[in-house]
């Protein structure tokens, strides 16, 4: 893995060092995990916002519910024979 210098505040550096020590891992791993978590949170926020927009539109919301119901019925029919 190549390395690069990343300039951060003293407080951030101290937090990275503390977390790495607590988890017995590298500082680079702490930064990687933090970025992955931030990306997950942002993805969930975007999904929640899209869902809220869908529910704010009565017509699209009704279409979504109808399609969801069709999938539930189809799924239940497929699993009856199991």
Protein backbone atom coordinates (compact mmCIF):
# COMPACT_ATOMS: atom_id res chain seq x y z
CA UNK A 1 0.00 0.00 0.00
CA UNK A 2 1.37 3.41 -0.91
CA UNK A 3 1.33 6.14 1.66
CA UNK A 4 0.50 9.81 1.57
CA UNK A 5 0.67 12.60 4.08
CA UNK A 6 -2.71 13.73 5.34
CA UNK A 7 -2.84 17.01 7.21
CA UNK A 8 -5.28 16.96 10.11
CA UNK A 9 -5.74 19.00 13.25
CA UNK A 10 -3.93 18.02 16.42
CA UNK A 11 -7.26 17.01 17.97
CA UNK A 12 -8.09 14.74 15.03
CA UNK A 13 -4.61 13.20 15.13
CA UNK A 14 -4.99 12.53 18.86
CA UNK A 15 -8.38 10.89 18.27
CA UNK A 16 -7.00 8.68 15.51
CA UNK A 17 -4.08 7.64 17.72
CA UNK A 18 -6.37 6.91 20.68
CA UNK A 19 -8.82 4.84 18.64
CA UNK A 20 -6.01 2.90 16.95
CA UNK A 21 -4.48 2.09 20.33
CA UNK A 22 -7.85 1.07 21.82
CA UNK A 23 -8.54 -1.24 18.87
CA UNK A 24 -4.98 -2.49 18.49
CA UNK A 25 -4.94 -1.46 14.86
CA UNK A 26 -3.14 1.01 12.64
CA UNK A 27 -4.00 4.67 12.29
CA UNK A 28 -4.51 4.09 8.56
CA UNK A 29 -7.11 1.42 9.36
CA UNK A 30 -8.93 3.80 11.70
CA UNK A 31 -9.12 6.41 8.94
CA UNK A 32 -10.29 3.79 6.42
CA UNK A 33 -13.01 2.54 8.76
CA UNK A 34 -14.16 6.09 9.47
CA UNK A 35 -14.45 6.82 5.75
CA UNK A 36 -16.39 3.59 5.13
CA UNK A 37 -18.79 4.47 7.95
CA UNK A 38 -19.28 8.00 6.63
CA UNK A 39 -20.06 6.62 3.18
CA UNK A 40 -22.61 4.18 4.68
CA UNK A 41 -24.28 6.97 6.65
CA UNK A 42 -24.44 9.22 3.58
CA UNK A 43 -25.93 6.39 1.50
CA UNK A 44 -28.61 5.76 4.12
CA UNK A 45 -29.39 9.47 4.38
CA UNK A 46 -29.78 9.70 0.60
CA UNK A 47 -32.04 6.63 0.60
CA UNK A 48 -34.16 8.08 3.41
CA UNK A 49 -34.47 11.40 1.57
CA UNK A 50 -35.51 9.60 -1.63
CA UNK A 51 -38.09 7.58 0.30
CA UNK A 52 -39.45 10.75 1.90
CA UNK A 53 -39.78 12.35 -1.55
CA UNK A 54 -41.60 9.25 -2.79
CA UNK A 55 -44.02 9.34 0.14
CA UNK A 56 -44.62 13.07 -0.36
CA UNK A 57 -45.98 12.37 -3.85
CA UNK A 58 -49.34 10.65 -3.35
CA UNK A 59 -49.54 9.22 -6.85
CA UNK A 60 -46.03 7.78 -6.86
CA UNK A 61 -46.49 6.53 -3.32
CA UNK A 62 -49.67 4.68 -4.29
CA UNK A 63 -47.92 3.16 -7.33
CA UNK A 64 -45.05 2.03 -5.10
CA UNK A 65 -47.45 0.45 -2.59
CA UNK A 66 -49.35 -1.34 -5.34
CA UNK A 67 -46.16 -2.76 -6.81
CA UNK A 68 -44.91 -3.79 -3.37
CA UNK A 69 -48.19 -5.60 -2.75
CA UNK A 70 -47.90 -7.43 -6.09
CA UNK A 71 -44.41 -8.59 -5.13
CA UNK A 72 -45.61 -9.75 -1.71
CA UNK A 73 -48.42 -11.78 -3.27
CA UNK A 74 -46.07 -13.30 -5.84
CA UNK A 75 -43.51 -14.10 -3.15
CA UNK A 76 -46.13 -15.74 -0.93
CA UNK A 77 -47.36 -17.84 -3.85
CA UNK A 78 -43.80 -19.00 -4.61
CA UNK A 79 -43.17 -20.09 -1.03
CA UNK A 80 -46.45 -21.94 -0.44
CA UNK A 81 -45.07 -25.13 -1.95
CA UNK A 82 -41.95 -25.17 0.23
